[in-house]
């Protein structure tokens, strides 16, 4: 793994997978669905409290 300089795109999570992992796209789709239906926000608030930046 290598840390790149700067921020390419701000995300509220990070998941490390091996290069070429077949799980990358299913994980991305699951996170997208959770964002769209509010599940991600509910889990975030439950475990980390309200996000002061929202």
N, C-alpha and C. Protein backbone atom coordinates (compact mmCIF):
# COMPACT_ATOMS: atom_id res chain seq x y z
N UNK A 1 0.85 -1.15 0.00
CA UNK A 1 0.00 0.00 0.00
C UNK A 1 0.91 1.23 0.00
N UNK A 2 0.43 2.27 -0.63
CA UNK A 2 1.18 3.52 -0.72
C UNK A 2 0.22 4.68 -0.48
N UNK A 3 0.63 5.65 0.32
CA UNK A 3 -0.18 6.84 0.57
C UNK A 3 0.18 7.87 -0.48
N UNK A 4 -0.84 8.34 -1.19
CA UNK A 4 -0.63 9.33 -2.24
C UNK A 4 -0.69 10.73 -1.65
N UNK A 5 0.04 11.66 -2.24
CA UNK A 5 -0.01 13.03 -1.74
C UNK A 5 -1.35 13.69 -2.10
N UNK A 6 -1.85 14.52 -1.21
CA UNK A 6 -3.08 15.25 -1.47
C UNK A 6 -4.32 14.36 -1.40
N UNK A 7 -5.46 14.97 -1.61
CA UNK A 7 -6.74 14.27 -1.59
C UNK A 7 -7.30 14.28 -3.01
N UNK A 8 -7.52 13.10 -3.56
CA UNK A 8 -8.08 13.00 -4.91
C UNK A 8 -9.57 13.28 -4.89
N UNK A 9 -10.26 12.69 -3.95
CA UNK A 9 -11.69 12.89 -3.78
C UNK A 9 -12.02 12.59 -2.32
N UNK A 10 -12.74 13.48 -1.65
CA UNK A 10 -13.07 13.29 -0.24
C UNK A 10 -14.10 12.18 -0.08
N UNK A 11 -13.79 11.22 0.76
CA UNK A 11 -14.71 10.15 1.09
C UNK A 11 -14.73 10.01 2.61
N UNK A 12 -15.81 9.52 3.16
CA UNK A 12 -15.93 9.35 4.61
C UNK A 12 -15.56 7.96 5.09
N UNK A 13 -14.92 7.19 4.25
CA UNK A 13 -14.55 5.83 4.60
C UNK A 13 -13.36 5.40 3.76
N UNK A 14 -12.75 4.32 4.13
CA UNK A 14 -11.67 3.74 3.33
C UNK A 14 -11.62 2.24 3.57
N UNK A 15 -11.47 1.49 2.52
CA UNK A 15 -11.38 0.04 2.61
C UNK A 15 -10.20 -0.38 1.74
N UNK A 16 -9.26 -1.09 2.31
CA UNK A 16 -8.10 -1.56 1.56
C UNK A 16 -8.37 -2.97 1.05
N UNK A 17 -8.15 -3.16 -0.25
CA UNK A 17 -8.30 -4.47 -0.89
C UNK A 17 -7.07 -4.72 -1.74
N UNK A 18 -6.76 -5.97 -1.99
CA UNK A 18 -5.64 -6.27 -2.89
C UNK A 18 -5.95 -5.76 -4.30
N UNK A 19 -4.92 -5.42 -5.04
CA UNK A 19 -5.09 -5.01 -6.43
C UNK A 19 -5.84 -6.09 -7.20
N UNK A 20 -6.84 -5.68 -7.95
CA UNK A 20 -7.61 -6.62 -8.77
C UNK A 20 -8.62 -7.44 -7.99
N UNK A 21 -8.92 -7.05 -6.77
CA UNK A 21 -9.86 -7.81 -5.95
C UNK A 21 -11.25 -7.86 -6.62
N UNK A 22 -11.87 -9.03 -6.65
CA UNK A 22 -13.22 -9.14 -7.21
C UNK A 22 -14.28 -8.52 -6.28
N UNK A 23 -13.88 -8.15 -5.06
CA UNK A 23 -14.83 -7.59 -4.10
C UNK A 23 -14.98 -6.08 -4.21
N UNK A 24 -14.11 -5.43 -4.97
CA UNK A 24 -14.13 -3.97 -5.04
C UNK A 24 -15.48 -3.43 -5.52
N UNK A 25 -15.95 -3.89 -6.63
CA UNK A 25 -17.20 -3.37 -7.19
C UNK A 25 -18.41 -3.71 -6.32
N UNK A 26 -18.55 -4.95 -5.82
CA UNK A 26 -19.69 -5.23 -4.93
C UNK A 26 -19.68 -4.37 -3.67
N UNK A 27 -18.50 -4.12 -3.11
CA UNK A 27 -18.41 -3.26 -1.92
C UNK A 27 -18.81 -1.84 -2.27
N UNK A 28 -18.31 -1.32 -3.39
CA UNK A 28 -18.67 0.03 -3.82
C UNK A 28 -20.18 0.16 -4.03
N UNK A 29 -20.79 -0.85 -4.65
CA UNK A 29 -22.23 -0.81 -4.89
C UNK A 29 -23.02 -0.86 -3.58
N UNK A 30 -22.56 -1.67 -2.63
CA UNK A 30 -23.25 -1.78 -1.34
C UNK A 30 -23.16 -0.45 -0.58
N UNK A 31 -21.99 0.19 -0.59
CA UNK A 31 -21.84 1.47 0.09
C UNK A 31 -22.70 2.53 -0.58
N UNK A 32 -22.74 2.54 -1.90
CA UNK A 32 -23.58 3.49 -2.63
C UNK A 32 -25.05 3.30 -2.25
N UNK A 33 -25.52 2.06 -2.22
CA UNK A 33 -26.92 1.78 -1.85
C UNK A 33 -27.20 2.23 -0.42
N UNK A 34 -26.25 2.00 0.49
CA UNK A 34 -26.43 2.41 1.89
C UNK A 34 -26.49 3.94 2.00
N UNK A 35 -25.72 4.65 1.20
CA UNK A 35 -25.78 6.11 1.19
C UNK A 35 -27.13 6.59 0.67
N UNK A 36 -27.62 5.95 -0.37
CA UNK A 36 -28.88 6.38 -1.00
C UNK A 36 -30.09 6.12 -0.12
N UNK A 37 -30.10 5.02 0.62
CA UNK A 37 -31.29 4.72 1.43
C UNK A 37 -31.20 5.18 2.88
N UNK A 38 -30.08 5.84 3.25
CA UNK A 38 -29.94 6.39 4.59
C UNK A 38 -29.32 5.46 5.61
N UNK A 39 -29.06 4.22 5.24
CA UNK A 39 -28.48 3.25 6.17
C UNK A 39 -27.10 3.70 6.65
N UNK A 40 -26.28 4.22 5.74
CA UNK A 40 -24.93 4.65 6.12
C UNK A 40 -25.01 5.73 7.19
N UNK A 41 -25.89 6.71 7.01
CA UNK A 41 -26.03 7.81 7.98
C UNK A 41 -26.49 7.28 9.33
N UNK A 42 -27.44 6.34 9.34
CA UNK A 42 -27.92 5.76 10.60
C UNK A 42 -26.79 5.06 11.34
N UNK A 43 -26.01 4.26 10.61
CA UNK A 43 -24.89 3.55 11.24
C UNK A 43 -23.82 4.52 11.73
N UNK A 44 -23.53 5.53 10.93
CA UNK A 44 -22.53 6.52 11.32
C UNK A 44 -22.96 7.22 12.61
N UNK A 45 -24.19 7.69 12.64
CA UNK A 45 -24.69 8.40 13.83
C UNK A 45 -24.70 7.49 15.05
N UNK A 46 -25.05 6.23 14.87
CA UNK A 46 -25.11 5.29 15.99
C UNK A 46 -23.73 5.07 16.60
N UNK A 47 -22.73 4.86 15.75
CA UNK A 47 -21.41 4.48 16.24
C UNK A 47 -20.45 5.64 16.45
N UNK A 48 -20.65 6.77 15.75
CA UNK A 48 -19.72 7.89 15.85
C UNK A 48 -20.38 9.18 16.31
N UNK A 49 -21.69 9.21 16.43
CA UNK A 49 -22.39 10.44 16.81
C UNK A 49 -22.67 11.28 15.58
N UNK A 50 -23.40 12.35 15.80
CA UNK A 50 -23.74 13.25 14.69
C UNK A 50 -22.47 13.83 14.08
N UNK A 51 -22.46 13.92 12.77
CA UNK A 51 -21.34 14.50 12.02
C UNK A 51 -21.47 16.01 12.06
N UNK A 52 -20.52 16.73 12.70
CA UNK A 52 -20.65 18.18 12.79
C UNK A 52 -20.51 18.87 11.44
N UNK A 53 -19.99 18.19 10.43
CA UNK A 53 -19.79 18.79 9.12
C UNK A 53 -20.98 18.70 8.20
N UNK A 54 -22.07 18.08 8.65
CA UNK A 54 -23.20 17.95 7.72
C UNK A 54 -24.21 19.01 7.91
